Amino acid sequence: MKIIDLHCDVLYRMEQSKGEMSFEDSVELDVTYNKLKQGGVKIQAFAIFIHPSIKSDQKFQVALDQIHHFYNNVIGKNPKMKALKNWQEFDQLGDDEIGAFLTLEGVDCIGNDLQKLSILYELGVRSIGLTWNNANLAADGVGEERGAGLTEFGKDIIHFSNERKILSDVSHLSERAFWDLMEIADYPIASHSNSKTLCSHQRNLTDDQVSHLFKKNGLIHVVYNPPFITGKDSASISDLIAHIDHFCSLGGVNQIGFGSDFDGISKKVTNLEDASMHPTLIDELLKKYSEDEVEGFAFKNFLNHIPK
């Protein structure tokens, strides 16, 4: 069964290693070409993440460095990896090809300059999360104590995204910023979040948030990070599936997907430690859901909701 994974941090790991890690087969990486192939992953999203410790005047260059690793090391050195820059290409992959596309996890790297965002769009970014956990010039993240919403600049970014059919990712936003975004975003998505009802971690979403996301035809992609699943350092696949069960109970059976956060998490779900192990998750889901429903979670729901 084909898999679409909406979040991994391979580019950050590669940038940190100065490009020394091989995307084809590095044992240090959760997501590699070989592991994607073994795990049946058909499309992988690659996040651009700039650590808050990077000085402001260096952040855009770091973003460009990560994009360089994407095109040089992920795509350039693996002929069967195909960079996806247009939504229609997501349905046009060959049987032996694996699609890859860029996402932006926090807009800190552009400062207050939309022209820089235009450059990132031209380079292939097709999903934008305004923040990581901290605040920036666009919005507050979940880790910002004041919990403010979108700024006018943040709203400008959402309008920019709407015009270009870019996904607007809510996963790291403060709750107030979430509601501000939902008022104006045409293509909302939670790329890697779970249910706050089942696990009260600040990175998860409330039932009201999830229900509103579903009403706006948005998607939520469950994340494989145990602290977001059980609130502990360990979790089972059954624990992860409980979040899918809960989202289905809110009416979202056709709006659920996967957002692993591989290479961005230090704790792992047992028997789901890297991209090669997705078939184990699929097998467990097939014990509870129909094949059509599981295909939805795995890839069809996302393809059915991409901007047209």
C-alpha atoms as a PDB file:
ATOM      1  CA  MET A   1       0.000   0.000   0.000  1.00  0.00           C
ATOM      2  CA  LYS A   2       1.314   3.431  -0.931  1.00  0.00           C
ATOM      3  CA  ILE A   3       2.146   5.901   1.856  1.00  0.00           C
ATOM      4  CA  ILE A   4       2.221   9.705   1.886  1.00  0.00           C
ATOM      5  CA  ASP A   5       4.114  11.185   4.841  1.00  0.00           C
ATOM      6  CA  LEU A   6       3.581  14.910   5.423  1.00  0.00           C
ATOM      7  CA  HIS A   7       6.532  15.629   7.738  1.00  0.00           C
ATOM      8  CA  CYS A   8      10.156  14.686   8.274  1.00  0.00           C
ATOM      9  CA  ASP A   9      13.259  16.627   9.320  1.00  0.00           C
ATOM     10  CA  VAL A  10      15.893  14.976   7.130  1.00  0.00           C
ATOM     11  CA  LEU A  11      17.015  18.296   5.632  1.00  0.00           C
ATOM     12  CA  TYR A  12      17.742  19.708   9.085  1.00  0.00           C
ATOM     13  CA  ARG A  13      19.757  16.600   9.943  1.00  0.00           C
ATOM     14  CA  MET A  14      21.685  16.820   6.683  1.00  0.00           C
ATOM     15  CA  GLU A  15      22.382  20.529   7.118  1.00  0.00           C
ATOM     16  CA  GLN A  16      23.615  19.892  10.666  1.00  0.00           C
ATOM     17  CA  SER A  17      26.014  17.232   9.339  1.00  0.00           C
ATOM     18  CA  LYS A  18      27.237  19.581   6.576  1.00  0.00           C
ATOM     19  CA  GLY A  19      25.953  17.123   3.974  1.00  0.00           C
ATOM     20  CA  GLU A  20      28.021  14.207   5.288  1.00  0.00           C
ATOM     21  CA  MET A  21      24.964  11.931   5.621  1.00  0.00           C
ATOM     22  CA  SER A  22      23.963   9.926   2.567  1.00  0.00           C
ATOM     23  CA  PHE A  23      20.250  10.124   1.839  1.00  0.00           C
ATOM     24  CA  GLU A  24      20.413   6.803   0.042  1.00  0.00           C
ATOM     25  CA  ASP A  25      21.388   4.624   2.976  1.00  0.00           C
ATOM     26  CA  SER A  26      22.675   6.531   6.022  1.00  0.00           C
ATOM     27  CA  VAL A  27      22.101   4.455   9.148  1.00  0.00           C
ATOM     28  CA  GLU A  28      21.768   7.657  11.199  1.00  0.00           C
ATOM     29  CA  LEU A  29      18.642   8.784   9.327  1.00  0.00           C
ATOM     30  CA  ASP A  30      15.082   7.556   9.926  1.00  0.00           C
ATOM     31  CA  VAL A  31      14.171   8.488   6.349  1.00  0.00           C
ATOM     32  CA  THR A  32      16.425   7.396   3.488  1.00  0.00           C
ATOM     33  CA  TYR A  33      15.757   6.343  -0.085  1.00  0.00           C
ATOM     34  CA  ASN A  34      16.158   2.690   0.848  1.00  0.00           C
ATOM     35  CA  LYS A  35      13.855   2.997   3.865  1.00  0.00           C
ATOM     36  CA  LEU A  36      11.203   4.853   1.862  1.00  0.00           C
ATOM     37  CA  LYS A  37      11.286   2.131  -0.771  1.00  0.00           C
ATOM     38  CA  GLN A  38      11.148  -0.652   1.813  1.00  0.00           C
ATOM     39  CA  GLY A  39       8.286   1.050   3.652  1.00  0.00           C
ATOM     40  CA  GLY A  40       6.175   1.680   0.553  1.00  0.00           C
ATOM     41  CA  VAL A  41       6.358   5.465   0.925  1.00  0.00           C
ATOM     42  CA  LYS A  42       5.282   6.965  -2.388  1.00  0.00           C
ATOM     43  CA  ILE A  43       5.489  10.668  -1.451  1.00  0.00           C
ATOM     44  CA  GLN A  44       7.569  12.233   1.320  1.00  0.00           C
ATOM     45  CA  ALA A  45       7.368  15.845   2.482  1.00  0.00           C
ATOM     46  CA  PHE A  46      10.697  17.387   3.519  1.00  0.00           C
ATOM     47  CA  ALA A  47      10.484  20.219   6.049  1.00  0.00           C
ATOM     48  CA  ILE A  48      12.765  23.240   6.069  1.00  0.00           C
ATOM     49  CA  PHE A  49      13.355  23.913   9.757  1.00  0.00           C
ATOM     50  CA  ILE A  50      15.629  26.668  11.056  1.00  0.00           C
ATOM     51  CA  HIS A  51      16.650  26.250  14.683  1.00  0.00           C
ATOM     52  CA  PRO A  52      15.792  29.294  16.853  1.00  0.00           C
ATOM     53  CA  SER A  53      19.447  29.553  17.913  1.00  0.00           C
ATOM     54  CA  ILE A  54      20.472  30.607  14.374  1.00  0.00           C
ATOM     55  CA  LYS A  55      21.061  34.364  14.151  1.00  0.00           C
ATOM     56  CA  SER A  56      18.353  36.268  12.293  1.00  0.00           C
ATOM     57  CA  ASP A  57      20.612  37.463   9.482  1.00  0.00           C
ATOM     58  CA  GLN A  58      21.754  33.891   8.794  1.00  0.00           C
ATOM     59  CA  LYS A  59      18.381  32.119   8.758  1.00  0.00           C
ATOM     60  CA  PHE A  60      17.504  32.590   5.094  1.00  0.00           C
ATOM     61  CA  GLN A  61      20.897  31.233   4.046  1.00  0.00           C
ATOM     62  CA  VAL A  62      20.348  28.169   6.235  1.00  0.00           C
ATOM     63  CA  ALA A  63      16.990  27.638   4.522  1.00  0.00           C
ATOM     64  CA  LEU A  64      18.735  27.803   1.149  1.00  0.00           C
ATOM     65  CA  ASP A  65      21.384  25.368   2.403  1.00  0.00           C
ATOM     66  CA  GLN A  66      18.669  22.863   3.309  1.00  0.00           C
ATOM     67  CA  ILE A  67      17.046  23.301  -0.102  1.00  0.00           C
ATOM     68  CA  HIS A  68      20.470  22.668  -1.657  1.00  0.00           C
ATOM     69  CA  HIS A  69      20.654  19.346   0.228  1.00  0.00           C
ATOM     70  CA  PHE A  70      17.171  18.514  -1.053  1.00  0.00           C
ATOM     71  CA  TYR A  71      18.032  19.041  -4.712  1.00  0.00           C
ATOM     72  CA  ASN A  72      21.658  17.876  -4.557  1.00  0.00           C
ATOM     73  CA  ASN A  73      21.598  14.973  -2.110  1.00  0.00           C
ATOM     74  CA  VAL A  74      17.989  13.762  -1.974  1.00  0.00           C
ATOM     75  CA  ILE A  75      16.970  14.276  -5.602  1.00  0.00           C
ATOM     76  CA  GLY A  76      20.262  14.619  -7.476  1.00  0.00           C
ATOM     77  CA  LYS A  77      21.931  11.485  -6.129  1.00  0.00           C
ATOM     78  CA  ASN A  78      18.851   9.241  -6.243  1.00  0.00           C
ATOM     79  CA  PRO A  79      17.456   9.048  -9.808  1.00  0.00           C
ATOM     80  CA  LYS A  80      14.177   7.468  -8.699  1.00  0.00           C
ATOM     81  CA  MET A  81      13.389  10.401  -6.373  1.00  0.00           C
ATOM     82  CA  LYS A  82      11.298  13.047  -8.154  1.00  0.00           C
ATOM     83  CA  ALA A  83      10.836  16.604  -6.899  1.00  0.00           C
ATOM     84  CA  LEU A  84       7.160  17.636  -6.988  1.00  0.00           C
ATOM     85  CA  LYS A  85       6.487  21.341  -7.545  1.00  0.00           C
ATOM     86  CA  ASN A  86       2.957  21.252  -8.986  1.00  0.00           C
ATOM     87  CA  TRP A  87      -0.076  19.544  -7.449  1.00  0.00           C
ATOM     88  CA  GLN A  88      -0.963  17.748 -10.688  1.00  0.00           C
ATOM     89  CA  GLU A  89       2.393  15.939 -10.525  1.00  0.00           C
ATOM     90  CA  PHE A  90       1.311  14.076  -7.379  1.00  0.00           C
ATOM     91  CA  ASP A  91      -0.844  11.746  -9.500  1.00  0.00           C
ATOM     92  CA  GLN A  92       1.752  11.297 -12.245  1.00  0.00           C
ATOM     93  CA  LEU A  93       4.567   9.391 -10.551  1.00  0.00           C
ATOM     94  CA  GLY A  94       5.890   6.297 -12.289  1.00  0.00           C
ATOM     95  CA  ASP A  95       5.585   2.936 -10.575  1.00  0.00           C
ATOM     96  CA  ASP A  96       9.240   2.991  -9.537  1.00  0.00           C
ATOM     97  CA  GLU A  97       9.398   6.689  -8.594  1.00  0.00           C
ATOM     98  CA  ILE A  98       9.144   8.270  -5.139  1.00  0.00           C
ATOM     99  CA  GLY A  99       7.850  11.829  -4.976  1.00  0.00           C
ATOM    100  CA  ALA A 100       9.322  14.489  -2.699  1.00  0.00           C
ATOM    101  CA  PHE A 101       8.225  18.021  -1.935  1.00  0.00           C
ATOM    102  CA  LEU A 102       9.320  20.894   0.291  1.00  0.00           C
ATOM    103  CA  THR A 103       7.473  22.374   3.266  1.00  0.00           C
ATOM    104  CA  LEU A 104       8.377  25.298   5.521  1.00  0.00           C
ATOM    105  CA  GLU A 105       8.202  24.844   9.299  1.00  0.00           C
ATOM    106  CA  GLY A 106       8.172  28.430  10.553  1.00  0.00           C
ATOM    107  CA  VAL A 107       8.666  31.593   8.506  1.00  0.00           C
ATOM    108  CA  ASP A 108      11.422  33.045  10.718  1.00  0.00           C
ATOM    109  CA  CYS A 109      13.873  32.762   7.823  1.00  0.00           C
ATOM    110  CA  ILE A 110      12.077  35.392   5.709  1.00  0.00           C
ATOM    111  CA  GLY A 111      11.961  38.077   8.393  1.00  0.00           C
ATOM    112  CA  ASN A 112       9.314  40.508   7.137  1.00  0.00           C
ATOM    113  CA  ASP A 113      10.173  40.036   3.444  1.00  0.00           C
ATOM    114  CA  LEU A 114       7.513  38.369   1.283  1.00  0.00           C
ATOM    115  CA  GLN A 115       9.940  38.421  -1.649  1.00  0.00           C
ATOM    116  CA  LYS A 116      11.983  35.790   0.170  1.00  0.00           C
ATOM    117  CA  LEU A 117       8.834  33.702   0.500  1.00  0.00           C
ATOM    118  CA  SER A 118       8.322  34.052  -3.264  1.00  0.00           C
ATOM    119  CA  ILE A 119      11.819  32.651  -3.770  1.00  0.00           C
ATOM    120  CA  LEU A 120      11.037  29.666  -1.542  1.00  0.00           C
ATOM    121  CA  TYR A 121       7.812  29.102  -3.472  1.00  0.00           C
ATOM    122  CA  GLU A 122       9.703  29.127  -6.782  1.00  0.00           C
ATOM    123  CA  LEU A 123      12.125  26.601  -5.303  1.00  0.00           C
ATOM    124  CA  GLY A 124       9.241  24.249  -4.537  1.00  0.00           C
ATOM    125  CA  VAL A 125       7.754  24.994  -1.100  1.00  0.00           C
ATOM    126  CA  ARG A 126       4.095  23.922  -1.191  1.00  0.00           C
ATOM    127  CA  SER A 127       3.110  23.954   2.489  1.00  0.00           C
ATOM    128  CA  ILE A 128       3.828  26.715   5.020  1.00  0.00           C
ATOM    129  CA  GLY A 129       3.567  26.616   8.795  1.00  0.00           C
ATOM    130  CA  LEU A 130       3.856  30.150  10.153  1.00  0.00           C
ATOM    131  CA  THR A 131       5.703  29.152  13.317  1.00  0.00           C
ATOM    132  CA  TRP A 132       7.596  26.474  15.104  1.00  0.00           C
ATOM    133  CA  ASN A 133       6.955  26.597  18.877  1.00  0.00           C
ATOM    134  CA  ASN A 134       8.262  30.131  19.359  1.00  0.00           C
ATOM    135  CA  ALA A 135       6.858  33.480  18.213  1.00  0.00           C
ATOM    136  CA  ASN A 136       7.985  35.341  15.115  1.00  0.00           C
ATOM    137  CA  LEU A 137       6.791  38.287  13.027  1.00  0.00           C
ATOM    138  CA  ALA A 138       3.833  36.265  11.686  1.00  0.00           C
ATOM    139  CA  ALA A 139       2.282  34.626  14.755  1.00  0.00           C
ATOM    140  CA  ASP A 140       2.811  32.963  18.125  1.00  0.00           C
ATOM    141  CA  GLY A 141       3.655  29.289  18.368  1.00  0.00           C
ATOM    142  CA  VAL A 142       2.365  26.895  21.007  1.00  0.00           C
ATOM    143  CA  GLY A 143       5.388  27.524  23.218  1.00  0.00           C
ATOM    144  CA  GLU A 144       4.828  31.278  23.485  1.00  0.00           C
ATOM    145  CA  GLU A 145       3.240  32.016  26.876  1.00  0.00           C
ATOM    146  CA  ARG A 146       1.217  35.041  25.742  1.00  0.00           C
ATOM    147  CA  GLY A 147      -0.587  32.926  23.101  1.00  0.00           C
ATOM    148  CA  ALA A 148      -1.201  35.743  20.620  1.00  0.00           C
ATOM    149  CA  GLY A 149      -2.740  35.230  17.192  1.00  0.00           C
ATOM    150  CA  LEU A 150      -1.701  36.185  13.673  1.00  0.00           C
ATOM    151  CA  THR A 151      -0.098  39.536  12.962  1.00  0.00           C
ATOM    152  CA  GLU A 152      -1.018  41.524   9.859  1.00  0.00           C
ATOM    153  CA  PHE A 153       2.138  40.123   8.267  1.00  0.00           C
ATOM    154  CA  GLY A 154       0.982  36.620   9.157  1.00  0.00           C
ATOM    155  CA  LYS A 155      -2.337  37.305   7.457  1.00  0.00           C
ATOM    156  CA  ASP A 156      -0.448  38.548   4.395  1.00  0.00           C
ATOM    157  CA  ILE A 157       1.351  35.202   4.253  1.00  0.00           C
ATOM    158  CA  ILE A 158      -1.946  33.292   4.354  1.00  0.00           C
ATOM    159  CA  HIS A 159      -3.294  35.424   1.501  1.00  0.00           C
ATOM    160  CA  PHE A 160      -0.021  34.778  -0.367  1.00  0.00           C
ATOM    161  CA  SER A 161      -0.551  31.040   0.195  1.00  0.00           C
ATOM    162  CA  ASN A 162      -4.202  31.125  -0.884  1.00  0.00           C
ATOM    163  CA  GLU A 163      -3.304  32.841  -4.162  1.00  0.00           C
ATOM    164  CA  ARG A 164      -0.673  30.208  -4.973  1.00  0.00           C
ATOM    165  CA  LYS A 165      -2.569  27.185  -3.653  1.00  0.00           C
ATOM    166  CA  ILE A 166      -0.053  26.573  -0.881  1.00  0.00           C
ATOM    167  CA  LEU A 167      -1.176  24.552   2.151  1.00  0.00           C
ATOM    168  CA  SER A 168      -1.424  26.484   5.441  1.00  0.00           C
ATOM    169  CA  ASP A 169      -0.114  24.249   8.226  1.00  0.00           C
ATOM    170  CA  VAL A 170      -1.532  24.775  11.745  1.00  0.00           C
ATOM    171  CA  SER A 171       0.478  22.146  13.631  1.00  0.00           C
ATOM    172  CA  HIS A 172       2.699  24.484  15.691  1.00  0.00           C
ATOM    173  CA  LEU A 173       0.396  27.495  16.075  1.00  0.00           C
ATOM    174  CA  SER A 174      -0.929  28.882  19.345  1.00  0.00           C
ATOM    175  CA  GLU A 175      -4.645  28.234  19.735  1.00  0.00           C
ATOM    176  CA  ARG A 176      -5.558  31.863  19.035  1.00  0.00           C
ATOM    177  CA  ALA A 177      -3.360  31.874  15.932  1.00  0.00           C
ATOM    178  CA  PHE A 178      -5.074  28.662  14.819  1.00  0.00           C
ATOM    179  CA  TRP A 179      -8.487  30.332  14.921  1.00  0.00           C
ATOM    180  CA  ASP A 180      -7.183  33.447  13.166  1.00  0.00           C
ATOM    181  CA  LEU A 181      -5.743  31.298  10.388  1.00  0.00           C
ATOM    182  CA  MET A 182      -8.897  29.227   9.989  1.00  0.00           C
ATOM    183  CA  GLU A 183     -10.898  32.379   9.257  1.00  0.00           C
ATOM    184  CA  ILE A 184      -8.891  33.175   6.136  1.00  0.00           C
ATOM    185  CA  ALA A 185      -6.975  30.076   4.951  1.00  0.00           C
ATOM    186  CA  ASP A 186      -8.299  28.271   1.875  1.00  0.00           C
ATOM    187  CA  TYR A 187      -6.112  25.171   2.295  1.00  0.00           C
ATOM    188  CA  PRO A 188      -5.641  24.415   6.027  1.00  0.00           C
ATOM    189  CA  ILE A 189      -3.833  21.287   7.173  1.00  0.00           C
ATOM    190  CA  ALA A 190      -2.257  19.904  10.346  1.00  0.00           C
ATOM    191  CA  SER A 191       0.826  18.128   9.040  1.00  0.00           C
ATOM    192  CA  HIS A 192       1.847  16.414  12.284  1.00  0.00           C
ATOM    193  CA  SER A 193      -0.536  16.683  15.259  1.00  0.00           C
ATOM    194  CA  ASN A 194      -2.588  14.386  17.472  1.00  0.00           C
ATOM    195  CA  SER A 195      -5.655  14.648  19.717  1.00  0.00           C
ATOM    196  CA  LYS A 196      -5.455  16.786  22.848  1.00  0.00           C
ATOM    197  CA  THR A 197      -8.424  14.820  24.238  1.00  0.00           C
ATOM    198  CA  LEU A 198      -6.278  11.679  24.356  1.00  0.00           C
ATOM    199  CA  CYS A 199      -2.976  13.402  25.183  1.00  0.00           C
ATOM    200  CA  SER A 200      -2.963  16.922  26.600  1.00  0.00           C
ATOM    201  CA  HIS A 201       0.373  17.962  25.102  1.00  0.00           C
ATOM    202  CA  GLN A 202       0.403  21.591  23.885  1.00  0.00           C
ATOM    203  CA  ARG A 203       1.282  20.442  20.367  1.00  0.00           C
ATOM    204  CA  ASN A 204      -1.989  18.545  19.980  1.00  0.00           C
ATOM    205  CA  LEU A 205      -5.353  19.907  18.840  1.00  0.00           C
ATOM    206  CA  THR A 206      -8.631  20.123  20.745  1.00  0.00           C
ATOM    207  CA  ASP A 207     -11.809  18.500  19.459  1.00  0.00           C
ATOM    208  CA  ASP A 208     -13.174  21.946  18.568  1.00  0.00           C
ATOM    209  CA  GLN A 209     -10.076  22.695  16.507  1.00  0.00           C
ATOM    210  CA  VAL A 210     -10.161  19.338  14.738  1.00  0.00           C
ATOM    211  CA  SER A 211     -13.899  19.535  14.024  1.00  0.00           C
ATOM    212  CA  HIS A 212     -13.486  23.015  12.552  1.00  0.00           C
ATOM    213  CA  LEU A 213     -10.563  21.799  10.454  1.00  0.00           C
ATOM    214  CA  PHE A 214     -12.768  19.025   9.083  1.00  0.00           C
ATOM    215  CA  LYS A 215     -15.601  21.478   8.351  1.00  0.00           C
ATOM    216  CA  LYS A 216     -13.187  23.576   6.305  1.00  0.00           C
ATOM    217  CA  ASN A 217     -12.194  20.470   4.289  1.00  0.00           C
ATOM    218  CA  GLY A 218      -8.802  20.349   5.985  1.00  0.00           C
ATOM    219  CA  LEU A 219      -6.707  17.334   6.935  1.00  0.00           C
ATOM    220  CA  ILE A 220      -4.975  16.159  10.100  1.00  0.00           C
ATOM    221  CA  HIS A 221      -1.934  13.909   9.845  1.00  0.00           C
ATOM    222  CA  VAL A 222      -1.094  11.920  12.971  1.00  0.00           C
ATOM    223  CA  VAL A 223       2.446  12.229  14.323  1.00  0.00           C
ATOM    224  CA  TYR A 224       4.548   9.292  15.549  1.00  0.00           C
ATOM    225  CA  ASN A 225       6.102  11.055  18.551  1.00  0.00           C
ATOM    226  CA  PRO A 226       5.310   9.195  21.837  1.00  0.00           C
ATOM    227  CA  PRO A 227       5.063  12.384  23.979  1.00  0.00           C
ATOM    228  CA  PHE A 228       2.285  13.536  21.604  1.00  0.00           C
ATOM    229  CA  ILE A 229       0.604  10.104  21.680  1.00  0.00           C
ATOM    230  CA  THR A 230       0.691   8.997  25.316  1.00  0.00           C
ATOM    231  CA  GLY A 231       2.423  11.897  27.079  1.00  0.00           C
ATOM    232  CA  LYS A 232       5.253   9.490  27.866  1.00  0.00           C
ATOM    233  CA  ASP A 233       8.535   8.463  26.257  1.00  0.00           C
ATOM    234  CA  SER A 234       7.036   5.270  24.878  1.00  0.00           C
ATOM    235  CA  ALA A 235       3.995   4.356  22.787  1.00  0.00           C
ATOM    236  CA  SER A 236       2.649   1.418  20.836  1.00  0.00           C
ATOM    237  CA  ILE A 237       1.089   1.367  17.404  1.00  0.00           C
ATOM    238  CA  SER A 238      -2.238   0.736  19.143  1.00  0.00           C
ATOM    239  CA  ASP A 239      -1.752   3.944  21.106  1.00  0.00           C
ATOM    240  CA  LEU A 240      -1.208   5.841  17.828  1.00  0.00           C
ATOM    241  CA  ILE A 241      -4.243   4.217  16.221  1.00  0.00           C
ATOM    242  CA  ALA A 242      -6.349   5.400  19.177  1.00  0.00           C
ATOM    243  CA  HIS A 243      -5.838   8.964  17.874  1.00  0.00           C
ATOM    244  CA  ILE A 244      -7.030   7.885  14.429  1.00  0.00           C
ATOM    245  CA  ASP A 245     -10.050   6.245  16.083  1.00  0.00           C
ATOM    246  CA  HIS A 246     -10.826   9.483  17.899  1.00  0.00           C
ATOM    247  CA  PHE A 247     -10.555  11.613  14.762  1.00  0.00           C
ATOM    248  CA  CYS A 248     -12.861   9.173  12.974  1.00  0.00           C
ATOM    249  CA  SER A 249     -15.373   9.617  15.806  1.00  0.00           C
ATOM    250  CA  LEU A 250     -15.331  13.342  14.982  1.00  0.00           C
ATOM    251  CA  GLY A 251     -16.299  12.566  11.401  1.00  0.00           C
ATOM    252  CA  GLY A 252     -12.869  12.703   9.826  1.00  0.00           C
ATOM    253  CA  VAL A 253     -12.423   9.229   8.342  1.00  0.00           C
ATOM    254  CA  ASN A 254     -11.762  10.824   4.940  1.00  0.00           C
ATOM    255  CA  GLN A 255      -9.516  13.589   6.298  1.00  0.00           C
ATOM    256  CA  ILE A 256      -6.822  11.706   8.239  1.00  0.00           C
ATOM    257  CA  GLY A 257      -3.260  11.015   7.120  1.00  0.00           C
ATOM    258  CA  PHE A 258       0.272  10.354   8.374  1.00  0.00           C
ATOM    259  CA  GLY A 259       2.910  12.907   9.452  1.00  0.00           C
ATOM    260  CA  SER A 260       5.706  10.888  11.017  1.00  0.00           C
ATOM    261  CA  ASP A 261       8.126  13.630  12.177  1.00  0.00           C
ATOM    262  CA  PHE A 262      10.934  11.136  11.545  1.00  0.00           C
ATOM    263  CA  ASP A 263      14.406  12.616  12.066  1.00  0.00           C
ATOM    264  CA  GLY A 264      12.792  15.285  14.230  1.00  0.00           C
ATOM    265  CA  ILE A 265      11.929  13.039  17.180  1.00  0.00           C
ATOM    266  CA  SER A 266      14.162  11.259  19.686  1.00  0.00           C
ATOM    267  CA  LYS A 267      11.520   8.860  21.046  1.00  0.00           C
ATOM    268  CA  LYS A 268       9.903   6.298  18.762  1.00  0.00           C
ATOM    269  CA  VAL A 269       6.740   4.212  18.586  1.00  0.00           C
ATOM    270  CA  THR A 270       7.595   0.550  19.138  1.00  0.00           C
ATOM    271  CA  ASN A 271       7.806  -1.239  15.765  1.00  0.00           C
ATOM    272  CA  LEU A 272       7.481   2.095  13.949  1.00  0.00           C
ATOM    273  CA  GLU A 273      10.992   3.435  14.403  1.00  0.00           C
ATOM    274  CA  ASP A 274      11.731   4.533  10.845  1.00  0.00           C
ATOM    275  CA  ALA A 275      10.195   4.915   7.385  1.00  0.00           C
ATOM    276  CA  SER A 276      10.801   1.267   6.464  1.00  0.00           C
ATOM    277  CA  MET A 277       8.319   0.115   9.117  1.00  0.00           C
ATOM    278  CA  HIS A 278       5.143   1.694   7.739  1.00  0.00           C
ATOM    279  CA  PRO A 279       3.784  -1.736   6.650  1.00  0.00           C
ATOM    280  CA  THR A 280       3.523  -2.681  10.333  1.00  0.00           C
ATOM    281  CA  LEU A 281       1.227   0.303  10.916  1.00  0.00           C
ATOM    282  CA  ILE A 282      -0.816  -0.587   7.837  1.00  0.00           C
ATOM    283  CA  ASP A 283      -1.218  -4.207   8.981  1.00  0.00           C
ATOM    284  CA  GLU A 284      -2.513  -3.066  12.380  1.00  0.00           C
ATOM    285  CA  LEU A 285      -4.933  -0.586  10.809  1.00  0.00           C
ATOM    286  CA  LEU A 286      -6.325  -3.295   8.520  1.00  0.00           C
ATOM    287  CA  LYS A 287      -7.385  -5.246  11.624  1.00  0.00           C
ATOM    288  CA  LYS A 288      -9.818  -2.423  12.496  1.00  0.00           C
ATOM    289  CA  TYR A 289     -10.646  -0.622   9.251  1.00  0.00           C
ATOM    290  CA  SER A 290     -11.596  -1.565   5.708  1.00  0.00           C
ATOM    291  CA  GLU A 291      -8.934  -1.589   3.019  1.00  0.00           C
ATOM    292  CA  ASP A 292     -10.528   1.460   1.424  1.00  0.00           C
ATOM    293  CA  GLU A 293     -10.420   3.378   4.713  1.00  0.00           C
ATOM    294  CA  VAL A 294      -6.798   2.420   5.334  1.00  0.00           C
ATOM    295  CA  GLU A 295      -5.864   3.450   1.801  1.00  0.00           C
ATOM    296  CA  GLY A 296      -7.469   6.768   2.668  1.00  0.00           C
ATOM    297  CA  PHE A 297      -5.316   7.227   5.752  1.00  0.00           C
ATOM    298  CA  ALA A 298      -2.208   6.095   3.889  1.00  0.00           C
ATOM    299  CA  PHE A 299      -2.474   8.256   0.767  1.00  0.00           C
ATOM    300  CA  LYS A 300      -5.884   8.764  -0.835  1.00  0.00           C
ATOM    301  CA  ASN A 301      -7.252  11.304   1.643  1.00  0.00           C
ATOM    302  CA  PHE A 302      -4.355  13.633   0.936  1.00  0.00           C
ATOM    303  CA  LEU A 303      -4.616  13.207  -2.844  1.00  0.00           C
ATOM    304  CA  ASN A 304      -8.368  13.842  -2.647  1.00  0.00           C
ATOM    305  CA  HIS A 305      -7.795  17.148  -0.843  1.00  0.00           C
ATOM    306  CA  ILE A 306      -4.842  18.696  -2.650  1.00  0.00           C
ATOM    307  CA  PRO A 307      -5.555  22.155  -4.087  1.00  0.00           C
ATOM    308  CA  LYS A 308      -7.088  22.118  -7.546  1.00  0.00           C
END
